[in-house]
Structures are given as structure tokens and as C-alpha cells.
Amino acid sequence: MDRKKFDRRDFLAATGTVALAGLAGCSGGGGGDGSDGSDGSDGSDGGGTGSRLTWHAGGTGGTYFPLSNEIKTIVEENTDFSLNVQSTGASVENVGSLADGSADFALIQNDIAYFAKNGTGIDAFQDNPIENLMGVATLYPETITVVTLQETGIETVGDLSGATINTGDLGSGTQVNANQILEAVGITDYNEQNAGFAQASEQLANGDIDAAFVVGGWPVGAIEDLANTNDIHIVPIEGDNRQAVKDSASWFADDTIPGGTYSGVEDDVETVSVQAMIATNADVAEDTVEMITAAIFDNVDDLSIKTDFISRDSAQDGMSIELHPGAAAYFDA
């Protein structure tokens, strides 16, 4: 196995490169192919200027993408807006798209939102605060899942030393969290690979990696698919390791993956989580944000994903940045 010493500075530099490319507008046209005005109602660069809005999600193998498409259905059935949902590299990339106006709304992690708004935390945002980033609502806990195959013999977090680990898409919130966690528990010697959830699942099945970090509300489709064809093991983050992770950053919280969530994993698995949230930018009109927020939270019963967590009452739990006036108008009504 090709092993290398993990250098946190290399990680931060790589993350910064990806995110700052987004901030410079390199993802223009909403991150898609730009055909038929997909980034705005009349070919504009988003910004809430028309009835067609761009919504950036995450990888197709996670929770962001299918949930975003359910939100798309709700919004289009209850308003005159249409949503163009796009698959992306998730949180850090999505912040860049919101910053340059190529996305009107996006799903991001609450820790990444805090870093971006305050210009701190990771090199992508260090001393470069994204001042137009604004919150809409928090949604659900995003569980940190460390998955491997039983045949690897990896049972605990400590067994990850020297392993080949997929930490998520380069520049994603998953990668940020994975490296935060590994550093917190003292794992410094590993070979880092970067790909989305769906590709990480294939890498595990093919024996190309030993373990993968996945951040998303359970059950995650890519892990379900892997568990249906392979004997998997969910590596717990528990005891002193869990406390070390929570001590390293205030946004980590206790979480548990219930037994039976994935085929072959019968016992509860202790881990940690962050929060998923909807974000927008200050240029999106107040009435647009209010209508989109109302459509979602007045019709949460129409969702089938994370229904135990998403509600109007909990929609400000863990909100880490300033609320958009349109969202505030809805929640304060």
C-alpha cells in the first residue's frame, strides 16, 4: 500500500484552491452546462432575478441530492418558481457558487457556513469572509459515517493509521470533517484519496481503498448499495475518541446510527454529526426567499427524506450565520 505522511498544510492549500476557484466565478452558469438558461429564468447568473432559481446540492450518492429534488417538487407545486437542482462537490464548492451568484440556494454544512461567513477555519476562507452568505434554515444532523469492509480488519478509529482513506471530494465539507476528525484522534499517517460517495463505494468494493468517510443523513444511498453486495463494517467514533473530536470543534455533536440501518450492521454505532442547512446570498430578493422558505416548511409532510428531523420548530437549531431577511420574515411571522 502506498503510504504517505499526511500534511495538513497540503490539505488546506488544496481545499483553498478549489473553493477560491468557485469564489472567483469559475463555476459560472450555476455549475452546469449553461444550456437553455439553466442558471436563471432568462440566462442570467442566478441572483433570484426571475422565476427560475438555481439550487446547488451535492453528490448523487449522498443525501443532499435526493432531498434537493424532493424540495424542488414541493417548491414547484406550491409556488410559481422552478428549481434547477445541480449535483456538486457540496459544501465548500456551494459556498463559492453562492458567493459569485451562480447559485441562488444551496445545501451546506453549518460548520462550513461559519468558516465562510467569518473568514476563518480553513484556508479557503481565511481572511476572506464571504459577507453575502446568509442562512435560511437548518435541516437535520449530518452523520459522520466511517465505512469499511469487514475483510479489511479495521474495527476502530485507531486501525485507520497507515490505511488508504477516501476523505470525500476535494474541497468538500466531508473532506474538512474527515481531516478534522483524524487529526483530533491522532491519526497522521494515511494515504488520502478524494472522490464522492458513489465512487468511494466502488473503490471499497474493488479494494482500492480501505475506508471512506461519508457525511450525510442516514441512510446514505451509496452505503446502502454497498451493504447490499458486500459485508461492511461501520467504524465507531466513541468513548475518548468521540470526546476528542467534540473538544476539537464546537459544531460536532453526539450521534448514533441505529442498528439495522444498513444490511449486516445489526447493532447501534456511536459517532458524531454536524448540521445540514439551506443557505442563500444577500442578493436574492427578500420575497423570493420568504416564498421558498414557506413552501418548504409549510409542506414538510410531503418530504420522505429525514422527516423525523425537518420542521419549522427546529429550523433554527444550529444556525451558524446571519439569517436572510426573507427567511426571518417567515420564521418570525
Protein backbone atom coordinates (compact mmCIF):
# COMPACT_ATOMS: atom_id res chain seq x y z
CA MET A 1 0.00 0.00 0.00
CA ASP A 2 1.29 3.43 -0.95
CA ARG A 3 1.54 5.31 2.33
CA LYS A 4 2.37 8.93 2.90
CA LYS A 5 2.62 11.25 5.84
CA PHE A 6 -0.49 13.42 5.95
CA ASP A 7 0.42 17.10 5.77
CA ARG A 8 -2.40 19.31 7.00
CA ARG A 9 -0.97 22.31 5.17
CA ASP A 10 -1.23 20.43 1.87
CA PHE A 11 -4.85 19.65 2.64
CA LEU A 12 -5.67 23.24 3.47
CA ALA A 13 -3.91 24.53 0.39
CA ALA A 14 -5.81 22.10 -1.83
CA THR A 15 -9.11 22.97 -0.20
CA GLY A 16 -8.42 26.65 -0.61
CA THR A 17 -7.59 26.25 -4.29
CA VAL A 18 -10.87 24.51 -5.03
CA ALA A 19 -13.02 26.89 -3.02
CA LEU A 20 -11.34 30.07 -4.22
CA ALA A 21 -11.84 28.95 -7.81
CA GLY A 22 -15.54 28.95 -7.04
CA LEU A 23 -15.31 32.35 -5.39
CA ALA A 24 -13.64 33.72 -8.48
CA GLY A 25 -16.63 32.65 -10.55
CA CYS A 26 -15.08 29.66 -12.25
CA SER A 27 -18.27 27.66 -11.74
CA GLY A 28 -20.32 30.17 -13.72
CA GLY A 29 -23.72 29.32 -15.13
CA GLY A 30 -24.78 27.64 -11.91
CA GLY A 31 -22.11 24.98 -12.25
CA GLY A 32 -23.96 23.25 -15.10
CA ASP A 33 -23.51 23.31 -18.84
CA GLY A 34 -25.23 26.68 -19.22
CA SER A 35 -27.71 25.39 -21.79
CA ASP A 36 -31.26 26.79 -22.03
CA GLY A 37 -30.58 29.41 -19.39
CA SER A 38 -30.31 26.80 -16.65
CA ASP A 39 -28.75 29.28 -14.24
CA GLY A 40 -31.61 31.78 -14.36
CA SER A 41 -35.01 32.35 -15.93
CA ASP A 42 -33.55 34.23 -18.90
CA GLY A 43 -29.94 33.08 -18.98
CA SER A 44 -28.80 35.35 -16.14
CA ASP A 45 -26.32 34.29 -13.46
CA GLY A 46 -28.83 33.45 -10.76
CA GLY A 47 -29.36 36.04 -8.05
CA GLY A 48 -33.10 35.45 -7.81
CA THR A 49 -33.87 37.71 -10.79
CA GLY A 50 -36.57 35.54 -12.33
CA SER A 51 -38.90 32.62 -11.74
CA ARG A 52 -36.18 30.04 -12.38
CA LEU A 53 -33.81 29.54 -9.48
CA THR A 54 -30.59 27.56 -9.25
CA TRP A 55 -30.18 25.19 -6.29
CA HIS A 56 -26.83 23.51 -5.68
CA ALA A 57 -26.98 20.18 -3.88
CA GLY A 58 -24.15 17.63 -3.53
CA GLY A 59 -23.03 14.31 -4.94
CA THR A 60 -25.68 11.96 -6.29
CA GLY A 61 -24.67 9.24 -3.80
CA GLY A 62 -25.39 11.30 -0.70
CA THR A 63 -28.48 12.84 0.93
CA TYR A 64 -28.24 16.40 -0.42
CA PHE A 65 -29.13 15.49 -4.00
CA PRO A 66 -32.29 13.38 -3.48
CA LEU A 67 -33.53 15.70 -0.74
CA SER A 68 -33.00 18.70 -3.01
CA ASN A 69 -35.07 17.06 -5.69
CA GLU A 70 -37.89 16.48 -3.21
CA ILE A 71 -37.66 20.17 -2.27
CA LYS A 72 -37.77 21.02 -5.98
CA THR A 73 -41.07 19.16 -6.32
CA ILE A 74 -42.57 20.92 -3.29
CA VAL A 75 -41.46 24.37 -4.42
CA GLU A 76 -42.75 23.89 -7.95
CA GLU A 77 -46.11 22.57 -6.72
CA ASN A 78 -46.63 25.45 -4.29
CA THR A 79 -45.08 28.49 -5.99
CA ASP A 80 -44.53 29.94 -9.44
CA PHE A 81 -40.80 29.26 -9.15
CA SER A 82 -38.91 26.40 -10.77
CA LEU A 83 -35.73 24.99 -9.27
CA ASN A 84 -32.77 23.84 -11.29
CA VAL A 85 -31.14 21.31 -8.94
CA GLN A 86 -27.49 20.59 -9.72
CA SER A 87 -25.10 17.96 -8.40
CA THR A 88 -21.91 19.50 -7.00
CA GLY A 89 -18.94 18.79 -4.77
CA ALA A 90 -21.12 20.03 -1.88
CA SER A 91 -20.44 22.50 0.93
CA VAL A 92 -17.23 24.38 0.10
CA GLU A 93 -17.96 24.45 -3.62
CA ASN A 94 -21.53 25.53 -2.91
CA VAL A 95 -20.33 28.47 -0.83
CA GLY A 96 -18.33 29.64 -3.84
CA SER A 97 -21.40 29.37 -6.07
CA LEU A 98 -23.49 31.37 -3.63
CA ALA A 99 -20.72 33.95 -3.29
CA ASP A 100 -20.46 34.62 -7.01
CA GLY A 101 -24.22 34.45 -7.58
CA SER A 102 -24.20 31.37 -9.80
CA ALA A 103 -26.46 29.66 -7.26
CA ASP A 104 -29.47 31.15 -5.53
CA PHE A 105 -29.77 28.47 -2.85
CA ALA A 106 -27.54 25.62 -1.74
CA LEU A 107 -27.19 22.96 0.92
CA ILE A 108 -24.08 23.30 3.08
CA GLN A 109 -22.83 22.19 6.47
CA ASN A 110 -23.25 24.60 9.38
CA ASP A 111 -19.55 24.46 10.23
CA ILE A 112 -18.53 25.35 6.67
CA ALA A 113 -21.07 28.19 6.72
CA TYR A 114 -19.48 29.55 9.89
CA PHE A 115 -15.96 29.32 8.43
CA ALA A 116 -17.04 31.09 5.24
CA LYS A 117 -19.01 33.89 6.88
CA ASN A 118 -16.28 34.63 9.42
CA GLY A 119 -13.24 34.19 7.17
CA THR A 120 -11.62 31.58 9.37
CA GLY A 121 -11.19 27.87 9.98
CA ILE A 122 -9.73 26.70 6.67
CA ASP A 123 -7.50 28.36 4.10
CA ALA A 124 -10.37 28.52 1.62
CA PHE A 125 -11.88 31.33 3.68
CA GLN A 126 -9.04 32.52 5.91
CA ASP A 127 -9.13 36.34 5.96
CA ASN A 128 -11.56 36.18 3.02
CA PRO A 129 -15.03 36.25 4.62
CA ILE A 130 -17.99 35.60 2.34
CA GLU A 131 -20.03 38.54 3.50
CA ASN A 132 -23.05 37.95 1.26
CA LEU A 133 -23.60 34.38 2.57
CA MET A 134 -26.85 34.14 4.53
CA GLY A 135 -28.80 31.38 6.24
CA VAL A 136 -32.28 30.11 5.52
CA ALA A 137 -32.82 27.09 7.77
CA THR A 138 -31.14 24.10 9.34
CA LEU A 139 -32.50 20.72 8.34
CA TYR A 140 -31.09 17.61 10.01
CA PRO A 141 -27.99 16.12 11.61
CA GLU A 142 -25.38 15.07 9.07
CA THR A 143 -23.94 11.87 10.43
CA ILE A 144 -20.22 11.21 10.07
CA THR A 145 -20.02 7.61 8.86
CA VAL A 146 -16.67 5.83 8.55
CA VAL A 147 -17.31 2.76 6.43
CA THR A 148 -15.05 -0.15 5.53
CA LEU A 149 -15.41 -3.79 4.52
CA GLN A 150 -15.20 -6.49 7.17
CA GLU A 151 -12.35 -8.11 5.29
CA THR A 152 -10.04 -5.13 5.94
CA GLY A 153 -9.91 -5.91 9.65
CA ILE A 154 -10.43 -2.24 10.52
CA GLU A 155 -12.52 -2.25 13.70
CA THR A 156 -11.70 1.04 15.44
CA VAL A 157 -10.62 4.56 14.53
CA GLY A 158 -7.10 3.68 15.67
CA ASP A 159 -6.94 0.99 12.98
CA LEU A 160 -7.06 3.71 10.31
CA SER A 161 -3.38 4.51 10.87
CA GLY A 162 -1.48 3.60 7.70
CA ALA A 163 -4.69 2.99 5.71
CA THR A 164 -5.80 4.33 2.35
CA ILE A 165 -8.81 6.53 3.13
CA ASN A 166 -11.24 8.35 0.89
CA THR A 167 -11.97 11.59 2.77
CA GLY A 168 -14.55 12.90 0.29
CA ASP A 169 -14.50 15.19 -2.71
CA LEU A 170 -11.56 17.61 -2.73
CA GLY A 171 -12.69 20.79 -1.03
CA SER A 172 -15.95 19.35 0.27
CA GLY A 173 -17.30 19.63 3.79
CA THR A 174 -16.78 15.88 4.08
CA GLN A 175 -13.07 16.27 3.47
CA VAL A 176 -12.86 19.09 6.00
CA ASN A 177 -14.63 16.99 8.65
CA ALA A 178 -12.63 13.84 7.88
CA ASN A 179 -9.33 15.58 8.34
CA GLN A 180 -10.54 17.38 11.47
CA ILE A 181 -11.57 14.04 12.97
CA LEU A 182 -8.41 12.18 12.00
CA GLU A 183 -6.27 14.95 13.42
CA ALA A 184 -8.33 15.07 16.63
CA VAL A 185 -7.84 11.34 17.29
CA GLY A 186 -4.15 11.43 16.42
CA ILE A 187 -4.18 9.67 13.04
CA THR A 188 -1.44 11.32 10.95
CA ASP A 189 -0.12 8.51 8.73
CA TYR A 190 -2.51 7.61 5.91
CA ASN A 191 -2.89 7.78 2.16
CA GLU A 192 -5.66 10.23 1.28
CA GLN A 193 -7.92 9.69 -1.71
CA ASN A 194 -10.62 12.13 -2.83
CA ALA A 195 -13.90 11.23 -4.51
CA GLY A 196 -17.63 11.48 -3.93
CA PHE A 197 -19.73 8.95 -2.04
CA ALA A 198 -20.76 6.87 -5.04
CA GLN A 199 -17.18 6.50 -6.32
CA ALA A 200 -15.90 5.79 -2.80
CA SER A 201 -18.35 2.90 -2.59
CA GLU A 202 -16.94 1.47 -5.81
CA GLN A 203 -13.39 1.95 -4.52
CA LEU A 204 -14.20 -0.03 -1.38
CA ALA A 205 -15.83 -2.82 -3.35
CA ASN A 206 -12.81 -3.01 -5.66
CA GLY A 207 -10.28 -2.97 -2.82
CA ASP A 208 -8.75 0.32 -3.97
CA ILE A 209 -9.22 1.95 -0.55
CA ASP A 210 -9.50 0.65 2.99
CA ALA A 211 -12.11 3.04 4.38
CA ALA A 212 -14.19 6.06 3.46
CA PHE A 213 -15.72 8.99 5.28
CA VAL A 214 -19.30 9.80 4.34
CA VAL A 215 -21.18 12.79 5.73
CA GLY A 216 -24.94 12.75 5.33
CA GLY A 217 -28.18 11.82 6.95
CA TRP A 218 -28.62 8.09 7.28
CA PRO A 219 -29.40 6.02 5.40
CA VAL A 220 -26.95 7.13 2.70
CA GLY A 221 -27.81 5.54 -0.64
CA ALA A 222 -24.22 4.75 -1.59
CA ILE A 223 -23.65 2.89 1.69
CA GLU A 224 -26.96 1.04 1.32
CA ASP A 225 -25.92 -0.14 -2.14
CA LEU A 226 -22.50 -1.23 -0.86
CA ALA A 227 -24.02 -3.11 2.09
CA ASN A 228 -26.37 -4.99 -0.20
CA THR A 229 -23.45 -6.53 -2.10
CA ASN A 230 -20.62 -6.58 0.47
CA ASP A 231 -20.09 -7.27 4.17
CA ILE A 232 -19.48 -3.80 5.58
CA HIS A 233 -18.36 -2.50 8.95
CA ILE A 234 -19.20 0.95 10.30
CA VAL A 235 -16.23 2.15 12.35
CA PRO A 236 -17.49 3.74 15.58
CA ILE A 237 -16.33 7.11 16.85
CA GLU A 238 -16.92 6.55 20.53
CA GLY A 239 -15.54 6.97 24.03
CA ASP A 240 -12.37 9.05 24.34
CA ASN A 241 -12.14 9.39 20.55
CA ARG A 242 -15.58 10.94 20.35
CA GLN A 243 -14.81 13.30 23.19
CA ALA A 244 -11.57 14.35 21.47
CA VAL A 245 -13.49 15.13 18.29
CA LYS A 246 -16.10 17.19 20.16
CA ASP A 247 -13.35 19.01 22.06
CA SER A 248 -11.72 19.94 18.76
CA ALA A 249 -14.71 21.88 17.39
CA SER A 250 -18.00 23.07 18.87
CA TRP A 251 -20.14 22.00 15.89
CA PHE A 252 -19.59 18.27 16.39
CA ALA A 253 -22.40 16.59 18.35
CA ASP A 254 -23.11 13.05 19.51
CA ASP A 255 -24.97 10.88 17.03
CA THR A 256 -25.92 7.24 16.66
CA ILE A 257 -26.57 5.15 13.56
CA PRO A 258 -29.38 2.77 14.58
CA GLY A 259 -28.81 -0.95 14.17
CA GLY A 260 -30.47 -2.25 11.02
CA THR A 261 -29.95 0.98 9.08
CA TYR A 262 -27.58 -0.91 6.78
CA SER A 263 -27.70 -4.58 5.83
CA GLY A 264 -25.45 -6.66 8.06
CA VAL A 265 -24.95 -3.92 10.68
CA GLU A 266 -27.30 -5.03 13.43
CA ASP A 267 -26.02 -3.03 16.41
CA ASP A 268 -26.20 0.72 17.03
CA VAL A 269 -22.98 2.55 16.09
CA GLU A 270 -21.89 5.63 18.01
CA THR A 271 -20.44 8.52 16.02
CA VAL A 272 -20.66 12.31 15.65
CA SER A 273 -22.54 14.70 13.37
CA VAL A 274 -22.74 18.25 12.05
CA GLN A 275 -25.88 20.01 10.72
CA ALA A 276 -27.13 20.35 7.16
CA MET A 277 -28.59 23.73 6.30
CA ILE A 278 -30.06 25.74 3.44
CA ALA A 279 -28.09 28.87 2.57
CA THR A 280 -28.58 31.69 0.11
CA ASN A 281 -26.94 35.03 -0.67
CA ALA A 282 -27.88 38.60 0.15
CA ASP A 283 -28.73 39.42 -3.48
CA VAL A 284 -31.70 37.04 -3.61
CA ALA A 285 -34.86 39.09 -3.14
CA GLU A 286 -36.48 39.04 0.30
CA ASP A 287 -39.88 37.96 -1.01
CA THR A 288 -38.28 35.18 -3.06
CA VAL A 289 -36.53 33.72 -0.02
CA GLU A 290 -39.69 34.07 2.07
CA MET A 291 -41.80 32.23 -0.53
CA ILE A 292 -39.28 29.42 -0.98
CA THR A 293 -38.92 29.02 2.79
CA ALA A 294 -42.69 28.98 3.27
CA ALA A 295 -43.17 26.42 0.51
CA ILE A 296 -40.69 24.05 2.13
CA PHE A 297 -41.68 24.38 5.78
CA ASP A 298 -45.44 24.60 5.21
CA ASN A 299 -45.23 21.31 3.33
CA VAL A 300 -42.64 19.23 5.19
CA ASP A 301 -45.15 16.38 5.36
CA ASP A 302 -44.58 15.92 1.63
CA LEU A 303 -40.93 15.02 2.22
CA SER A 304 -39.88 11.39 2.55
CA ILE A 305 -36.22 12.02 3.49
CA LYS A 306 -35.16 12.97 7.05
CA THR A 307 -38.78 13.57 8.03
CA ASP A 308 -38.03 12.95 11.72
CA PHE A 309 -35.75 15.99 11.81
CA ILE A 310 -37.00 18.66 9.39
CA SER A 311 -39.57 21.01 10.89
CA ARG A 312 -40.35 24.69 11.31
CA ASP A 313 -39.81 24.39 15.06
CA SER A 314 -36.23 23.09 14.70
CA ALA A 315 -35.23 25.07 11.62
CA GLN A 316 -33.01 27.48 13.53
CA ASP A 317 -31.28 24.90 15.73
CA GLY A 318 -27.56 25.12 14.99
CA MET A 319 -27.93 28.12 12.65
CA SER A 320 -24.36 29.38 12.48
CA ILE A 321 -24.70 32.51 10.32
CA GLU A 322 -26.95 35.54 9.94
CA LEU A 323 -30.46 34.74 8.70
CA HIS A 324 -31.62 36.18 5.37
CA PRO A 325 -34.40 38.79 5.94
CA GLY A 326 -36.78 36.72 3.82
CA ALA A 327 -36.27 33.64 5.97
CA ALA A 328 -36.56 35.77 9.12
CA ALA A 329 -39.87 37.16 7.87
CA TYR A 330 -41.24 33.64 7.55
CA PHE A 331 -39.99 32.26 10.86
CA ASP A 332 -40.95 35.41 12.79
CA ALA A 333 -44.50 35.51 11.39
